[in-house]
């Protein structure tokens, strides 16, 4: 695993943990939506990095 893949994996894990925490707390839908969008982008980058 290269450095970029490792870093993206950690970012993805942190976003997933944040979303799980927010599911139990009161935050605006926009904030949660932003985290979900960020998670989608990180996952896309992980896939591209693994493929390339």
PDB file of N, CA and C in Angstrom:
ATOM      1  N   UNK A   1       0.857  -1.179   0.000  1.00  0.00           N
ATOM      2  CA  UNK A   1       0.000   0.000   0.000  1.00  0.00           C
ATOM      3  C   UNK A   1       0.897   1.235   0.000  1.00  0.00           C
ATOM      4  N   UNK A   2       0.636   2.128  -0.914  1.00  0.00           N
ATOM      5  CA  UNK A   2       1.462   3.325  -0.960  1.00  0.00           C
ATOM      6  C   UNK A   2       0.926   4.393  -0.003  1.00  0.00           C
ATOM      7  N   UNK A   3       1.665   5.457   0.114  1.00  0.00           N
ATOM      8  CA  UNK A   3       1.323   6.523   1.052  1.00  0.00           C
ATOM      9  C   UNK A   3      -0.026   7.156   0.749  1.00  0.00           C
ATOM     10  N   UNK A   4      -0.314   7.389  -0.527  1.00  0.00           N
ATOM     11  CA  UNK A   4      -1.588   8.010  -0.895  1.00  0.00           C
ATOM     12  C   UNK A   4      -2.755   7.109  -0.519  1.00  0.00           C
ATOM     13  N   UNK A   5      -2.641   5.819  -0.787  1.00  0.00           N
ATOM     14  CA  UNK A   5      -3.710   4.894  -0.435  1.00  0.00           C
ATOM     15  C   UNK A   5      -3.925   4.855   1.075  1.00  0.00           C
ATOM     16  N   UNK A   6      -2.835   4.842   1.812  1.00  0.00           N
ATOM     17  CA  UNK A   6      -2.926   4.824   3.270  1.00  0.00           C
ATOM     18  C   UNK A   6      -3.612   6.097   3.787  1.00  0.00           C
ATOM     19  N   UNK A   7      -3.197   7.232   3.265  1.00  0.00           N
ATOM     20  CA  UNK A   7      -3.783   8.506   3.698  1.00  0.00           C
ATOM     21  C   UNK A   7      -5.267   8.570   3.354  1.00  0.00           C
ATOM     22  N   UNK A   8      -5.636   8.156   2.165  1.00  0.00           N
ATOM     23  CA  UNK A   8      -7.046   8.165   1.769  1.00  0.00           C
ATOM     24  C   UNK A   8      -7.861   7.205   2.632  1.00  0.00           C
ATOM     25  N   UNK A   9      -7.278   6.076   2.979  1.00  0.00           N
ATOM     26  CA  UNK A   9      -7.966   5.127   3.858  1.00  0.00           C
ATOM     27  C   UNK A   9      -8.238   5.723   5.223  1.00  0.00           C
ATOM     28  N   UNK A  10      -7.273   6.463   5.753  1.00  0.00           N
ATOM     29  CA  UNK A  10      -7.455   7.105   7.069  1.00  0.00           C
ATOM     30  C   UNK A  10      -8.507   8.209   6.990  1.00  0.00           C
ATOM     31  N   UNK A  11      -8.467   8.983   5.903  1.00  0.00           N
ATOM     32  CA  UNK A  11      -9.474  10.048   5.726  1.00  0.00           C
ATOM     33  C   UNK A  11     -10.862   9.429   5.643  1.00  0.00           C
ATOM     34  N   UNK A  12     -10.991   8.352   4.866  1.00  0.00           N
ATOM     35  CA  UNK A  12     -12.281   7.673   4.729  1.00  0.00           C
ATOM     36  C   UNK A  12     -12.768   7.161   6.090  1.00  0.00           C
ATOM     37  N   UNK A  13     -11.881   6.542   6.852  1.00  0.00           N
ATOM     38  CA  UNK A  13     -12.259   6.035   8.172  1.00  0.00           C
ATOM     39  C   UNK A  13     -12.709   7.159   9.089  1.00  0.00           C
ATOM     40  N   UNK A  14     -12.015   8.273   9.045  1.00  0.00           N
ATOM     41  CA  UNK A  14     -12.395   9.418   9.885  1.00  0.00           C
ATOM     42  C   UNK A  14     -13.762   9.970   9.483  1.00  0.00           C
ATOM     43  N   UNK A  15     -14.022  10.082   8.185  1.00  0.00           N
ATOM     44  CA  UNK A  15     -15.324  10.566   7.717  1.00  0.00           C
ATOM     45  C   UNK A  15     -16.439   9.611   8.125  1.00  0.00           C
ATOM     46  N   UNK A  16     -16.181   8.311   7.999  1.00  0.00           N
ATOM     47  CA  UNK A  16     -17.190   7.330   8.408  1.00  0.00           C
ATOM     48  C   UNK A  16     -17.491   7.441   9.895  1.00  0.00           C
ATOM     49  N   UNK A  17     -16.443   7.611  10.709  1.00  0.00           N
ATOM     50  CA  UNK A  17     -16.638   7.773  12.152  1.00  0.00           C
ATOM     51  C   UNK A  17     -17.407   9.044  12.465  1.00  0.00           C
ATOM     52  N   UNK A  18     -17.092  10.118  11.765  1.00  0.00           N
ATOM     53  CA  UNK A  18     -17.809  11.381  11.975  1.00  0.00           C
ATOM     54  C   UNK A  18     -19.281  11.242  11.638  1.00  0.00           C
ATOM     55  N   UNK A  19     -19.577  10.568  10.525  1.00  0.00           N
ATOM     56  CA  UNK A  19     -20.975  10.376  10.135  1.00  0.00           C
ATOM     57  C   UNK A  19     -21.715   9.515  11.153  1.00  0.00           C
ATOM     58  N   UNK A  20     -21.052   8.511  11.669  1.00  0.00           N
ATOM     59  CA  UNK A  20     -21.674   7.661  12.686  1.00  0.00           C
ATOM     60  C   UNK A  20     -21.965   8.461  13.950  1.00  0.00           C
ATOM     61  N   UNK A  21     -21.029   9.296  14.339  1.00  0.00           N
ATOM     62  CA  UNK A  21     -21.215  10.143  15.516  1.00  0.00           C
ATOM     63  C   UNK A  21     -22.349  11.131  15.292  1.00  0.00           C
ATOM     64  N   UNK A  22     -22.403  11.721  14.112  1.00  0.00           N
ATOM     65  CA  UNK A  22     -23.433  12.717  13.809  1.00  0.00           C
ATOM     66  C   UNK A  22     -24.822  12.105  13.727  1.00  0.00           C
ATOM     67  N   UNK A  23     -24.894  10.829  13.440  1.00  0.00           N
ATOM     68  CA  UNK A  23     -26.204  10.182  13.376  1.00  0.00           C
ATOM     69  C   UNK A  23     -26.875  10.221  14.752  1.00  0.00           C
ATOM     70  N   UNK A  24     -26.065  10.327  15.792  1.00  0.00           N
ATOM     71  CA  UNK A  24     -26.598  10.356  17.155  1.00  0.00           C
ATOM     72  C   UNK A  24     -26.684  11.770  17.719  1.00  0.00           C
ATOM     73  N   UNK A  25     -26.248  12.742  16.964  1.00  0.00           N
ATOM     74  CA  UNK A  25     -26.243  14.127  17.444  1.00  0.00           C
ATOM     75  C   UNK A  25     -27.099  14.993  16.526  1.00  0.00           C
ATOM     76  N   UNK A  26     -27.370  16.186  16.982  1.00  0.00           N
ATOM     77  CA  UNK A  26     -28.167  17.101  16.168  1.00  0.00           C
ATOM     78  C   UNK A  26     -27.242  18.060  15.420  1.00  0.00           C
ATOM     79  N   UNK A  27     -27.231  17.923  14.120  1.00  0.00           N
ATOM     80  CA  UNK A  27     -26.490  18.818  13.240  1.00  0.00           C
ATOM     81  C   UNK A  27     -27.375  19.088  12.035  1.00  0.00           C
ATOM     82  N   UNK A  28     -27.038  20.090  11.321  1.00  0.00           N
ATOM     83  CA  UNK A  28     -27.837  20.408  10.140  1.00  0.00           C
ATOM     84  C   UNK A  28     -27.679  19.314   9.090  1.00  0.00           C
ATOM     85  N   UNK A  29     -28.731  19.125   8.308  1.00  0.00           N
ATOM     86  CA  UNK A  29     -28.659  18.147   7.227  1.00  0.00           C
ATOM     87  C   UNK A  29     -27.577  18.511   6.238  1.00  0.00           C
ATOM     88  N   UNK A  30     -27.365  19.793   6.031  1.00  0.00           N
ATOM     89  CA  UNK A  30     -26.334  20.233   5.101  1.00  0.00           C
ATOM     90  C   UNK A  30     -24.947  19.804   5.521  1.00  0.00           C
ATOM     91  N   UNK A  31     -24.688  19.827   6.804  1.00  0.00           N
ATOM     92  CA  UNK A  31     -23.382  19.409   7.314  1.00  0.00           C
ATOM     93  C   UNK A  31     -23.174  17.918   7.075  1.00  0.00           C
ATOM     94  N   UNK A  32     -24.195  17.111   7.392  1.00  0.00           N
ATOM     95  CA  UNK A  32     -24.100  15.667   7.151  1.00  0.00           C
ATOM     96  C   UNK A  32     -23.974  15.376   5.662  1.00  0.00           C
ATOM     97  N   UNK A  33     -24.715  16.106   4.851  1.00  0.00           N
ATOM     98  CA  UNK A  33     -24.646  15.920   3.400  1.00  0.00           C
ATOM     99  C   UNK A  33     -23.229  16.218   2.909  1.00  0.00           C
ATOM    100  N   UNK A  34     -22.622  17.268   3.428  1.00  0.00           N
ATOM    101  CA  UNK A  34     -21.256  17.606   3.044  1.00  0.00           C
ATOM    102  C   UNK A  34     -20.278  16.502   3.403  1.00  0.00           C
ATOM    103  N   UNK A  35     -20.465  15.905   4.581  1.00  0.00           N
ATOM    104  CA  UNK A  35     -19.592  14.797   4.974  1.00  0.00           C
ATOM    105  C   UNK A  35     -19.799  13.589   4.058  1.00  0.00           C
ATOM    106  N   UNK A  36     -21.048  13.308   3.703  1.00  0.00           N
ATOM    107  CA  UNK A  36     -21.323  12.181   2.799  1.00  0.00           C
ATOM    108  C   UNK A  36     -20.706  12.434   1.423  1.00  0.00           C
ATOM    109  N   UNK A  37     -20.794  13.667   0.943  1.00  0.00           N
ATOM    110  CA  UNK A  37     -20.190  14.004  -0.347  1.00  0.00           C
ATOM    111  C   UNK A  37     -18.673  13.866  -0.285  1.00  0.00           C
ATOM    112  N   UNK A  38     -18.081  14.308   0.808  1.00  0.00           N
ATOM    113  CA  UNK A  38     -16.633  14.168   0.974  1.00  0.00           C
ATOM    114  C   UNK A  38     -16.247  12.695   0.999  1.00  0.00           C
ATOM    115  N   UNK A  39     -17.040  11.879   1.677  1.00  0.00           N
ATOM    116  CA  UNK A  39     -16.774  10.450   1.733  1.00  0.00           C
ATOM    117  C   UNK A  39     -16.853   9.825   0.337  1.00  0.00           C
ATOM    118  N   UNK A  40     -17.810  10.245  -0.450  1.00  0.00           N
ATOM    119  CA  UNK A  40     -17.936   9.753  -1.821  1.00  0.00           C
ATOM    120  C   UNK A  40     -16.702  10.106  -2.631  1.00  0.00           C
ATOM    121  N   UNK A  41     -16.243  11.337  -2.512  1.00  0.00           N
ATOM    122  CA  UNK A  41     -15.056  11.774  -3.273  1.00  0.00           C
ATOM    123  C   UNK A  41     -13.807  11.003  -2.841  1.00  0.00           C
ATOM    124  N   UNK A  42     -13.648  10.812  -1.542  1.00  0.00           N
ATOM    125  CA  UNK A  42     -12.480  10.081  -1.052  1.00  0.00           C
ATOM    126  C   UNK A  42     -12.511   8.641  -1.553  1.00  0.00           C
ATOM    127  N   UNK A  43     -13.683   8.035  -1.544  1.00  0.00           N
ATOM    128  CA  UNK A  43     -13.814   6.668  -2.044  1.00  0.00           C
ATOM    129  C   UNK A  43     -13.458   6.600  -3.529  1.00  0.00           C
ATOM    130  N   UNK A  44     -13.895   7.592  -4.297  1.00  0.00           N
ATOM    131  CA  UNK A  44     -13.544   7.640  -5.721  1.00  0.00           C
ATOM    132  C   UNK A  44     -12.031   7.764  -5.900  1.00  0.00           C
ATOM    133  N   UNK A  45     -11.405   8.607  -5.089  1.00  0.00           N
ATOM    134  CA  UNK A  45      -9.952   8.767  -5.167  1.00  0.00           C
ATOM    135  C   UNK A  45      -9.234   7.481  -4.774  1.00  0.00           C
ATOM    136  N   UNK A  46      -9.737   6.794  -3.750  1.00  0.00           N
ATOM    137  CA  UNK A  46      -9.149   5.516  -3.353  1.00  0.00           C
ATOM    138  C   UNK A  46      -9.199   4.522  -4.506  1.00  0.00           C
ATOM    139  N   UNK A  47     -10.363   4.435  -5.157  1.00  0.00           N
ATOM    140  CA  UNK A  47     -10.524   3.510  -6.277  1.00  0.00           C
ATOM    141  C   UNK A  47      -9.576   3.860  -7.421  1.00  0.00           C
ATOM    142  N   UNK A  48      -9.477   5.147  -7.730  1.00  0.00           N
ATOM    143  CA  UNK A  48      -8.593   5.585  -8.814  1.00  0.00           C
ATOM    144  C   UNK A  48      -7.131   5.316  -8.478  1.00  0.00           C
ATOM    145  N   UNK A  49      -6.765   5.529  -7.227  1.00  0.00           N
ATOM    146  CA  UNK A  49      -5.383   5.297  -6.805  1.00  0.00           C
ATOM    147  C   UNK A  49      -5.046   3.812  -6.852  1.00  0.00           C
ATOM    148  N   UNK A  50      -5.983   2.983  -6.434  1.00  0.00           N
ATOM    149  CA  UNK A  50      -5.754   1.538  -6.445  1.00  0.00           C
ATOM    150  C   UNK A  50      -5.661   1.007  -7.880  1.00  0.00           C
ATOM    151  N   UNK A  51      -6.435   1.588  -8.775  1.00  0.00           N
ATOM    152  CA  UNK A  51      -6.442   1.128 -10.167  1.00  0.00           C
ATOM    153  C   UNK A  51      -5.236   1.629 -10.955  1.00  0.00           C
ATOM    154  N   UNK A  52      -4.699   2.771 -10.538  1.00  0.00           N
ATOM    155  CA  UNK A  52      -3.672   3.383 -11.341  1.00  0.00           C
ATOM    156  C   UNK A  52      -2.340   3.269 -10.790  1.00  0.00           C
TER     157      UNK A  52
END
